């Protein structure tokens, strides 16, 4: 995370906003050397809010933990397997039409 003074942010706001949007790097803004605010892309804020909501839901949190345990045990479908499964499904659906 990048840190910039309020004076610098005032002078370079447009460029900093472009940078944050494109790089997704957050910028902490300081006033008198103390952090006072963070600039982050709306997309990143939305993602953080969704994560907080997910973690606040006990059932969703339990499903995430179950998924992590499955992955740790090697029970998952990799990209190539998923592509094959999707192609098989597409063919079945096309044949059924």
C-alpha atoms as a PDB file:
ATOM      1  CA  UNK A   1       0.000   0.000   0.000  1.00  0.00           C
ATOM      2  CA  UNK A   2       1.296   3.397  -1.013  1.00  0.00           C
ATOM      3  CA  UNK A   3       1.320   6.344   1.410  1.00  0.00           C
ATOM      4  CA  UNK A   4       1.118   9.972   0.321  1.00  0.00           C
ATOM      5  CA  UNK A   5       0.744  13.291   2.122  1.00  0.00           C
ATOM      6  CA  UNK A   6      -2.475  15.232   1.779  1.00  0.00           C
ATOM      7  CA  UNK A   7      -0.557  18.039   0.070  1.00  0.00           C
ATOM      8  CA  UNK A   8       0.760  15.614  -2.556  1.00  0.00           C
ATOM      9  CA  UNK A   9      -2.688  14.077  -3.044  1.00  0.00           C
ATOM     10  CA  UNK A  10      -4.224  17.518  -3.573  1.00  0.00           C
ATOM     11  CA  UNK A  11      -1.650  18.315  -6.229  1.00  0.00           C
ATOM     12  CA  UNK A  12      -1.839  14.927  -7.960  1.00  0.00           C
ATOM     13  CA  UNK A  13      -5.415  13.762  -7.306  1.00  0.00           C
ATOM     14  CA  UNK A  14      -6.361  12.987 -10.902  1.00  0.00           C
ATOM     15  CA  UNK A  15      -3.187  10.989 -11.539  1.00  0.00           C
ATOM     16  CA  UNK A  16      -3.532   9.133  -8.221  1.00  0.00           C
ATOM     17  CA  UNK A  17      -7.144   8.225  -8.972  1.00  0.00           C
ATOM     18  CA  UNK A  18      -6.130   6.859 -12.379  1.00  0.00           C
ATOM     19  CA  UNK A  19      -3.328   4.869 -10.755  1.00  0.00           C
ATOM     20  CA  UNK A  20      -5.611   3.400  -8.076  1.00  0.00           C
ATOM     21  CA  UNK A  21      -8.249   2.422 -10.633  1.00  0.00           C
ATOM     22  CA  UNK A  22      -5.726   0.742 -12.932  1.00  0.00           C
ATOM     23  CA  UNK A  23      -3.373  -0.892 -10.415  1.00  0.00           C
ATOM     24  CA  UNK A  24      -5.849  -1.569  -7.582  1.00  0.00           C
ATOM     25  CA  UNK A  25      -3.159  -0.341  -5.206  1.00  0.00           C
ATOM     26  CA  UNK A  26      -4.610   1.522  -2.240  1.00  0.00           C
ATOM     27  CA  UNK A  27      -3.221   4.909  -1.257  1.00  0.00           C
ATOM     28  CA  UNK A  28      -3.144   5.920   2.398  1.00  0.00           C
ATOM     29  CA  UNK A  29      -3.374   9.683   2.773  1.00  0.00           C
ATOM     30  CA  UNK A  30      -1.619  11.309   5.718  1.00  0.00           C
ATOM     31  CA  UNK A  31      -2.186  14.652   7.403  1.00  0.00           C
ATOM     32  CA  UNK A  32       0.627  15.907   9.602  1.00  0.00           C
ATOM     33  CA  UNK A  33       2.265  12.501   9.204  1.00  0.00           C
ATOM     34  CA  UNK A  34      -0.746  10.521  10.490  1.00  0.00           C
ATOM     35  CA  UNK A  35      -2.920   8.264   8.297  1.00  0.00           C
ATOM     36  CA  UNK A  36      -6.391   9.781   7.908  1.00  0.00           C
ATOM     37  CA  UNK A  37      -8.007   8.211   4.835  1.00  0.00           C
ATOM     38  CA  UNK A  38      -7.487   5.542   2.190  1.00  0.00           C
ATOM     39  CA  UNK A  39      -8.193   5.913  -1.514  1.00  0.00           C
ATOM     40  CA  UNK A  40      -9.259   2.684  -3.188  1.00  0.00           C
ATOM     41  CA  UNK A  41     -11.056   1.694  -6.361  1.00  0.00           C
ATOM     42  CA  UNK A  42     -14.833   1.262  -6.109  1.00  0.00           C
ATOM     43  CA  UNK A  43     -14.447  -2.270  -7.471  1.00  0.00           C
ATOM     44  CA  UNK A  44     -12.114  -3.090  -4.579  1.00  0.00           C
ATOM     45  CA  UNK A  45     -14.463  -1.515  -2.026  1.00  0.00           C
ATOM     46  CA  UNK A  46     -17.359  -3.577  -3.392  1.00  0.00           C
ATOM     47  CA  UNK A  47     -15.244  -6.713  -3.169  1.00  0.00           C
ATOM     48  CA  UNK A  48     -14.303  -5.947   0.440  1.00  0.00           C
ATOM     49  CA  UNK A  49     -17.942  -5.321   1.354  1.00  0.00           C
ATOM     50  CA  UNK A  50     -19.020  -8.606  -0.247  1.00  0.00           C
ATOM     51  CA  UNK A  51     -16.294 -10.417   1.676  1.00  0.00           C
ATOM     52  CA  UNK A  52     -17.422  -8.878   4.969  1.00  0.00           C
ATOM     53  CA  UNK A  53     -21.028  -9.859   4.234  1.00  0.00           C
ATOM     54  CA  UNK A  54     -19.958 -13.392   3.355  1.00  0.00           C
ATOM     55  CA  UNK A  55     -17.887 -13.775   6.503  1.00  0.00           C
ATOM     56  CA  UNK A  56     -20.761 -12.415   8.600  1.00  0.00           C
ATOM     57  CA  UNK A  57     -23.020 -15.235   7.333  1.00  0.00           C
ATOM     58  CA  UNK A  58     -22.302 -18.350   9.432  1.00  0.00           C
ATOM     59  CA  UNK A  59     -23.615 -20.732   6.756  1.00  0.00           C
ATOM     60  CA  UNK A  60     -21.557 -19.123   4.009  1.00  0.00           C
ATOM     61  CA  UNK A  61     -18.476 -19.115   6.236  1.00  0.00           C
ATOM     62  CA  UNK A  62     -19.014 -22.824   6.954  1.00  0.00           C
ATOM     63  CA  UNK A  63     -19.231 -23.553   3.202  1.00  0.00           C
ATOM     64  CA  UNK A  64     -15.991 -21.664   2.588  1.00  0.00           C
ATOM     65  CA  UNK A  65     -14.237 -23.624   5.337  1.00  0.00           C
ATOM     66  CA  UNK A  66     -15.617 -26.903   3.968  1.00  0.00           C
ATOM     67  CA  UNK A  67     -14.270 -25.979   0.534  1.00  0.00           C
ATOM     68  CA  UNK A  68     -10.849 -25.237   1.996  1.00  0.00           C
ATOM     69  CA  UNK A  69     -10.792 -28.625   3.723  1.00  0.00           C
ATOM     70  CA  UNK A  70     -11.774 -30.352   0.468  1.00  0.00           C
ATOM     71  CA  UNK A  71      -8.979 -28.575  -1.414  1.00  0.00           C
ATOM     72  CA  UNK A  72      -6.461 -29.478   1.294  1.00  0.00           C
ATOM     73  CA  UNK A  73      -7.460 -33.137   0.856  1.00  0.00           C
ATOM     74  CA  UNK A  74      -7.016 -32.872  -2.900  1.00  0.00           C
ATOM     75  CA  UNK A  75     -10.754 -33.040  -3.614  1.00  0.00           C
ATOM     76  CA  UNK A  76     -11.211 -30.452  -6.331  1.00  0.00           C
ATOM     77  CA  UNK A  77     -11.661 -30.148 -10.084  1.00  0.00           C
ATOM     78  CA  UNK A  78      -8.768 -28.503 -11.901  1.00  0.00           C
ATOM     79  CA  UNK A  79      -9.121 -26.208 -14.907  1.00  0.00           C
ATOM     80  CA  UNK A  80      -8.612 -28.939 -17.524  1.00  0.00           C
ATOM     81  CA  UNK A  81     -11.116 -31.270 -15.863  1.00  0.00           C
ATOM     82  CA  UNK A  82     -13.647 -28.436 -15.590  1.00  0.00           C
ATOM     83  CA  UNK A  83     -13.215 -27.575 -19.278  1.00  0.00           C
ATOM     84  CA  UNK A  84     -13.805 -31.226 -20.177  1.00  0.00           C
ATOM     85  CA  UNK A  85     -16.913 -31.436 -17.971  1.00  0.00           C
ATOM     86  CA  UNK A  86     -18.304 -28.249 -19.487  1.00  0.00           C
ATOM     87  CA  UNK A  87     -17.693 -29.514 -23.022  1.00  0.00           C
ATOM     88  CA  UNK A  88     -19.422 -32.814 -22.216  1.00  0.00           C
ATOM     89  CA  UNK A  89     -22.404 -30.942 -20.797  1.00  0.00           C
ATOM     90  CA  UNK A  90     -22.559 -28.660 -23.839  1.00  0.00           C
ATOM     91  CA  UNK A  91     -22.606 -31.715 -26.134  1.00  0.00           C
ATOM     92  CA  UNK A  92     -25.346 -33.426 -24.095  1.00  0.00           C
ATOM     93  CA  UNK A  93     -27.486 -30.299 -24.166  1.00  0.00           C
ATOM     94  CA  UNK A  94     -26.925 -29.831 -27.909  1.00  0.00           C
ATOM     95  CA  UNK A  95     -27.885 -33.460 -28.557  1.00  0.00           C
ATOM     96  CA  UNK A  96     -31.061 -33.075 -26.474  1.00  0.00           C
ATOM     97  CA  UNK A  97     -32.297 -30.133 -28.577  1.00  0.00           C
END
